[in-house]
Amino acid sequence: QGPSEVHAAALEAATAIRGQTNDLYGLGPRLMVVLGSGCGDVAKNITPVHEISYADIPGMPQSTVAGHKGALLIGTYTADAIPVLAFQGRKHVYEGASAQEVSFSLYLAKALGVEAAIMTTATGIVPNPGTKPGDADRYPAAVGTVFLVASYNPNQLPSSLRGPIG
């Protein structure tokens, strides 16, 4: 599957979601949040209007990672009532997924009108070399610490955006 097939599948899924939710209940979410390992509690700050299991979203890859609920929340975030699409988990390359499968939620969110995304990652919990269990002081950041990844090496994996769309 290339980008144009993923794009087409995402458009089909977006149409199904809009039909199930009366066009997202008029919320018009412009922000996507992907809640990965250790970030599931962020969903407690979202007032859900609707929850859809990934199994009920056409074409949506299923995550097999523990702690990834596998559901899309449509709702508002915090007291500021920011309309969001919150993806509770995602499919990873290390689960055997292609770059296109990994990026399906991005294509879907874009098809639903999202303009910005916040992606979470377990980057900060990778231990320093030589770390043994219980050596918490050797970890660069504690589990749950929030920090900004300012750069990454996009050449490590094939790009899900390679090829024509549409």
N, C-alpha and C. Protein backbone atom coordinates (compact mmCIF):
# COMPACT_ATOMS: atom_id res chain seq x y z
N GLN A 1 0.83 -1.19 0.00
CA GLN A 1 0.00 0.00 0.00
C GLN A 1 0.87 1.24 0.00
N GLY A 2 0.52 2.18 -0.84
CA GLY A 2 1.23 3.46 -0.88
C GLY A 2 0.39 4.56 -0.27
N PRO A 3 0.92 5.79 -0.28
CA PRO A 3 0.21 6.92 0.33
C PRO A 3 -1.17 7.17 -0.26
N SER A 4 -1.34 7.00 -1.58
CA SER A 4 -2.65 7.29 -2.15
C SER A 4 -3.70 6.28 -1.69
N GLU A 5 -3.29 5.01 -1.47
CA GLU A 5 -4.24 4.02 -0.96
C GLU A 5 -4.59 4.29 0.51
N VAL A 6 -3.60 4.69 1.30
CA VAL A 6 -3.85 5.02 2.70
C VAL A 6 -4.74 6.25 2.79
N HIS A 7 -4.47 7.23 1.94
CA HIS A 7 -5.29 8.44 1.91
C HIS A 7 -6.74 8.08 1.58
N ALA A 8 -6.94 7.24 0.57
CA ALA A 8 -8.30 6.84 0.18
C ALA A 8 -8.99 6.07 1.31
N ALA A 9 -8.26 5.16 1.97
CA ALA A 9 -8.83 4.40 3.09
C ALA A 9 -9.19 5.33 4.24
N ALA A 10 -8.36 6.33 4.49
CA ALA A 10 -8.63 7.29 5.57
C ALA A 10 -9.86 8.13 5.25
N LEU A 11 -10.02 8.53 4.00
CA LEU A 11 -11.22 9.28 3.61
C LEU A 11 -12.48 8.45 3.82
N GLU A 12 -12.40 7.14 3.49
CA GLU A 12 -13.54 6.25 3.70
C GLU A 12 -13.85 6.12 5.20
N ALA A 13 -12.81 5.96 6.01
CA ALA A 13 -13.01 5.85 7.46
C ALA A 13 -13.58 7.15 8.03
N ALA A 14 -13.10 8.29 7.54
CA ALA A 14 -13.59 9.58 8.01
C ALA A 14 -15.08 9.74 7.70
N THR A 15 -15.48 9.30 6.52
CA THR A 15 -16.89 9.36 6.14
C THR A 15 -17.73 8.50 7.09
N ALA A 16 -17.24 7.31 7.42
CA ALA A 16 -17.95 6.43 8.35
C ALA A 16 -18.05 7.07 9.74
N ILE A 17 -16.96 7.66 10.22
CA ILE A 17 -16.96 8.29 11.54
C ILE A 17 -17.90 9.49 11.57
N ARG A 18 -17.86 10.30 10.52
CA ARG A 18 -18.77 11.46 10.47
C ARG A 18 -20.23 10.99 10.50
N GLY A 19 -20.52 9.87 9.84
CA GLY A 19 -21.87 9.34 9.84
C GLY A 19 -22.29 8.81 11.21
N GLN A 20 -21.35 8.16 11.93
CA GLN A 20 -21.64 7.61 13.26
C GLN A 20 -21.81 8.71 14.31
N THR A 21 -21.19 9.87 14.08
CA THR A 21 -21.12 10.91 15.11
C THR A 21 -21.83 12.19 14.73
N ASN A 22 -22.73 12.12 13.77
CA ASN A 22 -23.44 13.32 13.34
C ASN A 22 -22.44 14.44 13.06
N ASP A 23 -21.46 14.13 12.21
CA ASP A 23 -20.39 15.06 11.81
C ASP A 23 -19.61 15.59 13.02
N LEU A 24 -19.14 14.61 13.85
CA LEU A 24 -18.30 14.91 15.02
C LEU A 24 -19.02 15.80 16.04
N TYR A 25 -20.33 15.71 16.05
CA TYR A 25 -21.16 16.47 17.01
C TYR A 25 -20.92 17.97 16.92
N GLY A 26 -20.48 18.42 15.76
CA GLY A 26 -20.26 19.84 15.55
C GLY A 26 -19.05 20.40 16.27
N LEU A 27 -18.21 19.54 16.85
CA LEU A 27 -17.05 20.04 17.60
C LEU A 27 -15.98 20.66 16.71
N GLY A 28 -15.79 20.09 15.53
CA GLY A 28 -14.76 20.60 14.63
C GLY A 28 -13.35 20.52 15.20
N PRO A 29 -12.91 19.35 15.72
CA PRO A 29 -11.57 19.25 16.30
C PRO A 29 -10.48 19.62 15.32
N ARG A 30 -9.55 20.45 15.76
CA ARG A 30 -8.41 20.85 14.94
C ARG A 30 -7.10 20.31 15.51
N LEU A 31 -7.20 19.60 16.67
CA LEU A 31 -6.02 19.06 17.34
C LEU A 31 -6.17 17.56 17.51
N MET A 32 -5.10 16.85 17.15
CA MET A 32 -5.01 15.41 17.34
C MET A 32 -4.00 15.16 18.45
N VAL A 33 -4.34 14.26 19.37
CA VAL A 33 -3.41 13.86 20.42
C VAL A 33 -3.31 12.34 20.36
N VAL A 34 -2.09 11.83 20.25
CA VAL A 34 -1.86 10.39 20.27
C VAL A 34 -1.29 10.04 21.62
N LEU A 35 -2.03 9.24 22.38
CA LEU A 35 -1.65 8.87 23.74
C LEU A 35 -1.00 7.49 23.71
N GLY A 36 0.30 7.47 23.90
CA GLY A 36 1.04 6.22 23.88
C GLY A 36 1.28 5.69 25.28
N SER A 37 2.26 4.82 25.38
CA SER A 37 2.60 4.17 26.65
C SER A 37 2.84 5.21 27.74
N GLY A 38 2.22 5.00 28.87
CA GLY A 38 2.41 5.89 30.01
C GLY A 38 1.60 7.17 29.94
N CYS A 39 0.86 7.38 28.86
CA CYS A 39 0.12 8.64 28.71
C CYS A 39 -1.40 8.43 28.72
N GLY A 40 -1.85 7.24 29.00
CA GLY A 40 -3.28 6.95 29.00
C GLY A 40 -4.07 7.81 29.97
N ASP A 41 -3.44 8.24 31.08
CA ASP A 41 -4.16 9.06 32.06
C ASP A 41 -4.51 10.45 31.52
N VAL A 42 -3.85 10.89 30.46
CA VAL A 42 -4.18 12.19 29.87
C VAL A 42 -5.65 12.19 29.43
N ALA A 43 -6.15 11.01 29.08
CA ALA A 43 -7.55 10.90 28.64
C ALA A 43 -8.52 11.32 29.74
N LYS A 44 -8.07 11.29 31.00
CA LYS A 44 -8.93 11.73 32.10
C LYS A 44 -9.23 13.23 32.02
N ASN A 45 -8.41 13.97 31.26
CA ASN A 45 -8.61 15.41 31.08
C ASN A 45 -9.46 15.72 29.85
N ILE A 46 -9.93 14.69 29.20
CA ILE A 46 -10.77 14.86 28.01
C ILE A 46 -12.21 14.50 28.39
N THR A 47 -13.11 15.42 28.09
CA THR A 47 -14.53 15.15 28.28
C THR A 47 -15.01 14.52 26.98
N PRO A 48 -15.20 13.20 27.01
CA PRO A 48 -15.57 12.54 25.76
C PRO A 48 -17.01 12.81 25.38
N VAL A 49 -17.19 13.04 24.10
CA VAL A 49 -18.53 13.14 23.54
C VAL A 49 -18.87 11.79 22.92
N HIS A 50 -17.83 11.13 22.41
CA HIS A 50 -18.02 9.84 21.74
C HIS A 50 -16.71 9.08 21.79
N GLU A 51 -16.78 7.76 21.94
CA GLU A 51 -15.60 6.89 21.89
C GLU A 51 -15.86 5.80 20.87
N ILE A 52 -14.87 5.58 20.01
CA ILE A 52 -14.98 4.56 18.97
C ILE A 52 -13.80 3.61 19.10
N SER A 53 -14.06 2.33 19.23
CA SER A 53 -13.00 1.33 19.25
C SER A 53 -12.33 1.30 17.88
N TYR A 54 -11.00 1.12 17.86
CA TYR A 54 -10.30 1.02 16.58
C TYR A 54 -10.89 -0.11 15.73
N ALA A 55 -11.39 -1.17 16.38
CA ALA A 55 -11.98 -2.29 15.65
C ALA A 55 -13.20 -1.85 14.84
N ASP A 56 -13.83 -0.74 15.23
CA ASP A 56 -15.01 -0.23 14.53
C ASP A 56 -14.70 0.87 13.52
N ILE A 57 -13.41 1.15 13.31
CA ILE A 57 -13.00 2.16 12.33
C ILE A 57 -12.45 1.43 11.11
N PRO A 58 -13.09 1.56 9.95
CA PRO A 58 -12.62 0.86 8.76
C PRO A 58 -11.16 1.20 8.44
N GLY A 59 -10.33 0.16 8.29
CA GLY A 59 -8.93 0.35 7.91
C GLY A 59 -7.98 0.71 9.03
N MET A 60 -8.49 0.93 10.24
CA MET A 60 -7.64 1.36 11.35
C MET A 60 -6.80 0.20 11.87
N PRO A 61 -5.47 0.33 11.84
CA PRO A 61 -4.61 -0.73 12.38
C PRO A 61 -4.79 -0.86 13.89
N GLN A 62 -4.78 -2.09 14.38
CA GLN A 62 -4.96 -2.37 15.80
C GLN A 62 -3.61 -2.42 16.51
N SER A 63 -3.47 -1.68 17.58
CA SER A 63 -2.25 -1.73 18.38
C SER A 63 -2.30 -2.96 19.28
N THR A 64 -1.13 -3.58 19.47
CA THR A 64 -1.06 -4.74 20.35
C THR A 64 -0.22 -4.43 21.59
N VAL A 65 0.15 -3.17 21.77
CA VAL A 65 0.99 -2.76 22.90
C VAL A 65 0.13 -2.65 24.16
N ALA A 66 0.63 -3.23 25.26
CA ALA A 66 -0.07 -3.13 26.54
C ALA A 66 -0.17 -1.66 26.93
N GLY A 67 -1.31 -1.26 27.44
CA GLY A 67 -1.51 0.12 27.85
C GLY A 67 -2.08 1.00 26.75
N HIS A 68 -2.20 0.47 25.54
CA HIS A 68 -2.83 1.21 24.45
C HIS A 68 -4.27 0.71 24.34
N LYS A 69 -5.21 1.53 24.72
CA LYS A 69 -6.62 1.13 24.77
C LYS A 69 -7.17 0.76 23.40
N GLY A 70 -6.70 1.44 22.35
CA GLY A 70 -7.20 1.15 21.02
C GLY A 70 -8.56 1.77 20.76
N ALA A 71 -8.69 3.06 21.13
CA ALA A 71 -9.95 3.76 20.92
C ALA A 71 -9.69 5.21 20.54
N LEU A 72 -10.61 5.75 19.78
CA LEU A 72 -10.58 7.16 19.39
C LEU A 72 -11.60 7.90 20.24
N LEU A 73 -11.13 8.92 20.96
CA LEU A 73 -12.04 9.78 21.73
C LEU A 73 -12.28 11.06 20.95
N ILE A 74 -13.52 11.42 20.83
CA ILE A 74 -13.91 12.71 20.26
C ILE A 74 -14.45 13.50 21.43
N GLY A 75 -13.83 14.64 21.73
CA GLY A 75 -14.27 15.38 22.89
C GLY A 75 -13.56 16.70 23.05
N THR A 76 -13.55 17.19 24.28
CA THR A 76 -12.88 18.46 24.57
C THR A 76 -11.85 18.24 25.67
N TYR A 77 -10.76 18.98 25.59
CA TYR A 77 -9.66 18.83 26.53
C TYR A 77 -9.70 19.94 27.57
N THR A 78 -9.69 19.58 28.83
CA THR A 78 -9.62 20.45 30.00
C THR A 78 -10.74 21.49 30.05
N ALA A 79 -10.58 22.39 30.99
CA ALA A 79 -11.58 23.43 31.21
C ALA A 79 -11.66 24.41 30.05
N ASP A 80 -10.60 24.47 29.24
CA ASP A 80 -10.61 25.37 28.08
C ASP A 80 -11.47 24.84 26.95
N ALA A 81 -11.93 23.60 27.10
CA ALA A 81 -12.83 22.96 26.12
C ALA A 81 -12.26 22.98 24.70
N ILE A 82 -11.00 22.60 24.57
CA ILE A 82 -10.35 22.52 23.26
C ILE A 82 -10.85 21.25 22.56
N PRO A 83 -11.50 21.38 21.40
CA PRO A 83 -11.98 20.19 20.70
C PRO A 83 -10.80 19.34 20.20
N VAL A 84 -10.81 18.05 20.54
CA VAL A 84 -9.71 17.17 20.17
C VAL A 84 -10.20 15.83 19.66
N LEU A 85 -9.32 15.21 18.88
CA LEU A 85 -9.42 13.79 18.57
C LEU A 85 -8.27 13.16 19.33
N ALA A 86 -8.55 12.27 20.26
CA ALA A 86 -7.50 11.62 21.04
C ALA A 86 -7.44 10.14 20.67
N PHE A 87 -6.32 9.75 20.10
CA PHE A 87 -6.10 8.36 19.73
C PHE A 87 -5.42 7.67 20.90
N GLN A 88 -6.08 6.70 21.50
CA GLN A 88 -5.54 6.00 22.65
C GLN A 88 -4.74 4.80 22.17
N GLY A 89 -3.48 5.08 21.82
CA GLY A 89 -2.58 4.07 21.28
C GLY A 89 -2.46 4.17 19.78
N ARG A 90 -1.48 3.44 19.27
CA ARG A 90 -1.26 3.42 17.82
C ARG A 90 -0.51 2.16 17.45
N LYS A 91 -0.42 1.89 16.18
CA LYS A 91 0.35 0.76 15.66
C LYS A 91 1.79 1.23 15.47
N HIS A 92 2.74 0.35 15.75
CA HIS A 92 4.17 0.67 15.65
C HIS A 92 4.85 -0.19 14.60
N VAL A 93 5.94 0.30 14.07
CA VAL A 93 6.74 -0.47 13.13
C VAL A 93 7.24 -1.75 13.79
N TYR A 94 7.63 -1.68 15.07
CA TYR A 94 8.14 -2.88 15.74
C TYR A 94 7.07 -3.93 15.98
N GLU A 95 5.82 -3.59 15.74
CA GLU A 95 4.73 -4.57 15.80
C GLU A 95 4.55 -5.25 14.44
N GLY A 96 5.39 -4.88 13.49
CA GLY A 96 5.31 -5.46 12.16
C GLY A 96 4.52 -4.62 11.17
N ALA A 97 4.19 -3.40 11.53
CA ALA A 97 3.40 -2.53 10.66
C ALA A 97 4.27 -1.83 9.63
N SER A 98 3.68 -1.51 8.50
CA SER A 98 4.36 -0.71 7.48
C SER A 98 4.29 0.76 7.88
N ALA A 99 5.08 1.57 7.21
CA ALA A 99 5.04 3.01 7.47
C ALA A 99 3.65 3.57 7.19
N GLN A 100 2.96 3.03 6.19
CA GLN A 100 1.62 3.51 5.88
C GLN A 100 0.62 3.15 6.99
N GLU A 101 0.73 1.93 7.53
CA GLU A 101 -0.15 1.54 8.64
C GLU A 101 0.09 2.42 9.86
N VAL A 102 1.36 2.69 10.15
CA VAL A 102 1.72 3.51 11.30
C VAL A 102 1.14 4.91 11.16
N SER A 103 1.08 5.43 9.96
CA SER A 103 0.63 6.80 9.74
C SER A 103 -0.87 6.91 9.46
N PHE A 104 -1.61 5.79 9.47
CA PHE A 104 -3.04 5.84 9.13
C PHE A 104 -3.80 6.84 9.99
N SER A 105 -3.51 6.87 11.29
CA SER A 105 -4.25 7.80 12.17
C SER A 105 -4.01 9.25 11.78
N LEU A 106 -2.82 9.57 11.27
CA LEU A 106 -2.53 10.94 10.82
C LEU A 106 -3.37 11.28 9.59
N TYR A 107 -3.43 10.36 8.66
CA TYR A 107 -4.26 10.57 7.47
C TYR A 107 -5.72 10.72 7.87
N LEU A 108 -6.17 9.87 8.80
CA LEU A 108 -7.56 9.92 9.25
C LEU A 108 -7.87 11.25 9.94
N ALA A 109 -6.99 11.66 10.84
CA ALA A 109 -7.21 12.93 11.55
C ALA A 109 -7.27 14.09 10.56
N LYS A 110 -6.39 14.09 9.58
CA LYS A 110 -6.39 15.16 8.56
C LYS A 110 -7.71 15.15 7.79
N ALA A 111 -8.19 13.95 7.45
CA ALA A 111 -9.45 13.84 6.73
C ALA A 111 -10.63 14.32 7.58
N LEU A 112 -10.46 14.31 8.91
CA LEU A 112 -11.50 14.80 9.82
C LEU A 112 -11.33 16.27 10.18
N GLY A 113 -10.35 16.94 9.56
CA GLY A 113 -10.19 18.38 9.74
C GLY A 113 -9.10 18.83 10.69
N VAL A 114 -8.35 17.89 11.25
CA VAL A 114 -7.28 18.24 12.19
C VAL A 114 -6.16 19.00 11.47
N GLU A 115 -5.62 20.00 12.15
CA GLU A 115 -4.55 20.82 11.58
C GLU A 115 -3.24 20.70 12.34
N ALA A 116 -3.26 20.16 13.58
CA ALA A 116 -2.04 20.04 14.38
C ALA A 116 -2.11 18.73 15.17
N ALA A 117 -0.93 18.19 15.49
CA ALA A 117 -0.88 16.93 16.22
C ALA A 117 0.14 16.99 17.34
N ILE A 118 -0.21 16.33 18.43
CA ILE A 118 0.72 16.11 19.54
C ILE A 118 0.90 14.60 19.63
N MET A 119 2.13 14.16 19.47
CA MET A 119 2.45 12.74 19.52
C MET A 119 3.23 12.47 20.80
N THR A 120 2.88 11.42 21.51
CA THR A 120 3.64 11.06 22.70
C THR A 120 4.54 9.89 22.36
N THR A 121 5.59 9.72 23.15
CA THR A 121 6.55 8.66 22.90
C THR A 121 7.20 8.25 24.21
N ALA A 122 7.78 7.08 24.23
CA ALA A 122 8.48 6.59 25.42
C ALA A 122 9.97 6.90 25.34
N THR A 123 10.35 7.86 24.56
CA THR A 123 11.75 8.20 24.34
C THR A 123 12.52 8.42 25.63
N GLY A 124 11.97 9.09 26.59
CA GLY A 124 12.69 9.45 27.80
C GLY A 124 12.96 8.32 28.75
N ILE A 125 12.39 7.15 28.50
CA ILE A 125 12.61 6.07 29.45
C ILE A 125 13.63 5.05 28.95
N VAL A 126 14.32 5.33 27.86
CA VAL A 126 15.37 4.45 27.39
C VAL A 126 16.57 4.64 28.32
N PRO A 127 17.04 3.55 28.96
CA PRO A 127 18.12 3.71 29.94
C PRO A 127 19.47 3.98 29.30
N ASN A 128 20.34 4.61 30.09
CA ASN A 128 21.72 4.79 29.66
C ASN A 128 22.40 3.42 29.57
N PRO A 129 23.46 3.29 28.77
CA PRO A 129 24.16 2.00 28.68
C PRO A 129 24.64 1.54 30.06
N GLY A 130 24.54 0.25 30.31
CA GLY A 130 25.00 -0.32 31.57
C GLY A 130 24.00 -0.24 32.71
N THR A 131 22.80 0.29 32.45
CA THR A 131 21.80 0.43 33.50
C THR A 131 21.26 -0.95 33.88
N LYS A 132 21.15 -1.18 35.17
CA LYS A 132 20.58 -2.42 35.69
C LYS A 132 19.21 -2.10 36.28
N PRO A 133 18.35 -3.11 36.39
CA PRO A 133 17.06 -2.86 37.04
C PRO A 133 17.26 -2.23 38.41
N GLY A 134 16.49 -1.20 38.70
CA GLY A 134 16.60 -0.52 39.98
C GLY A 134 17.54 0.67 39.96
N ASP A 135 18.28 0.86 38.88
CA ASP A 135 19.20 2.02 38.77
C ASP A 135 18.47 3.22 38.20
N ALA A 136 17.41 3.66 38.85
CA ALA A 136 16.57 4.74 38.32
C ALA A 136 17.36 6.01 38.06
N ASP A 137 18.43 6.25 38.82
CA ASP A 137 19.20 7.47 38.63
C ASP A 137 20.00 7.46 37.33
N ARG A 138 20.07 6.34 36.65
CA ARG A 138 20.81 6.24 35.39
C ARG A 138 19.92 6.47 34.17
N TYR A 139 18.64 6.67 34.42
CA TYR A 139 17.72 6.95 33.32
C TYR A 139 17.76 8.45 33.02
N PRO A 140 17.73 8.82 31.73
CA PRO A 140 17.78 10.25 31.39
C PRO A 140 16.55 11.03 31.85
N ALA A 141 15.42 10.35 32.02
CA ALA A 141 14.21 11.01 32.50
C ALA A 141 13.34 9.96 33.16
N ALA A 142 12.61 10.35 34.16
CA ALA A 142 11.70 9.43 34.85
C ALA A 142 10.49 9.15 33.97
N VAL A 143 9.90 7.98 34.14
CA VAL A 143 8.68 7.65 33.42
C VAL A 143 7.63 8.73 33.73
N GLY A 144 7.00 9.23 32.68
CA GLY A 144 5.98 10.26 32.85
C GLY A 144 6.50 11.67 32.72
N THR A 145 7.82 11.84 32.62
CA THR A 145 8.39 13.17 32.44
C THR A 145 8.04 13.69 31.05
N VAL A 146 7.62 14.92 30.97
CA VAL A 146 7.29 15.52 29.68
C VAL A 146 8.47 16.35 29.21
N PHE A 147 8.89 16.12 27.97
CA PHE A 147 9.95 16.92 27.38
C PHE A 147 9.76 16.97 25.88
N LEU A 148 10.41 17.91 25.25
CA LEU A 148 10.27 18.13 23.82
C LEU A 148 11.41 17.45 23.08
N VAL A 149 11.07 16.64 22.08
CA VAL A 149 12.07 16.06 21.20
C VAL A 149 12.27 17.07 20.08
N ALA A 150 13.42 17.75 20.10
CA ALA A 150 13.66 18.86 19.18
C ALA A 150 14.05 18.40 17.79
N SER A 151 14.57 17.20 17.67
CA SER A 151 14.93 16.69 16.35
C SER A 151 14.92 15.17 16.38
N TYR A 152 14.88 14.60 15.21
CA TYR A 152 14.94 13.15 15.09
C TYR A 152 15.54 12.84 13.73
N ASN A 153 15.91 11.59 13.54
CA ASN A 153 16.51 11.19 12.27
C ASN A 153 15.45 10.52 11.41
N PRO A 154 14.87 11.24 10.46
CA PRO A 154 13.80 10.66 9.65
C PRO A 154 14.30 9.64 8.64
N ASN A 155 15.60 9.45 8.54
CA ASN A 155 16.15 8.51 7.56
C ASN A 155 16.22 7.09 8.10
N GLN A 156 15.82 6.88 9.36
CA GLN A 156 15.90 5.55 9.92
C GLN A 156 14.79 4.63 9.39
N LEU A 157 13.68 5.18 9.00
CA LEU A 157 12.57 4.40 8.50
C LEU A 157 12.10 4.98 7.17
N PRO A 158 11.48 4.13 6.34
CA PRO A 158 10.92 4.69 5.11
C PRO A 158 9.79 5.66 5.44
N SER A 159 9.69 6.71 4.69
CA SER A 159 8.66 7.71 4.94
C SER A 159 7.31 7.21 4.48
N SER A 160 6.28 7.43 5.30
CA SER A 160 4.92 7.07 4.91
C SER A 160 4.38 8.03 3.88
N LEU A 161 5.09 9.13 3.66
CA LEU A 161 4.63 10.15 2.71
C LEU A 161 5.24 9.99 1.32
N ARG A 162 6.05 8.97 1.12
CA ARG A 162 6.71 8.75 -0.16
C ARG A 162 5.68 8.36 -1.20
N GLY A 163 5.65 9.05 -2.32
CA GLY A 163 4.75 8.71 -3.41
C GLY A 163 3.60 9.69 -3.54
N PRO A 164 2.88 9.61 -4.65
CA PRO A 164 1.77 10.57 -4.89
C PRO A 164 0.56 10.27 -4.02
N ILE A 165 -0.16 11.32 -3.70
CA ILE A 165 -1.42 11.19 -2.97
C ILE A 165 -2.53 11.69 -3.86
N GLY A 166 -3.59 10.89 -3.92
CA GLY A 166 -4.78 11.31 -4.65
C GLY A 166 -4.75 11.04 -6.05
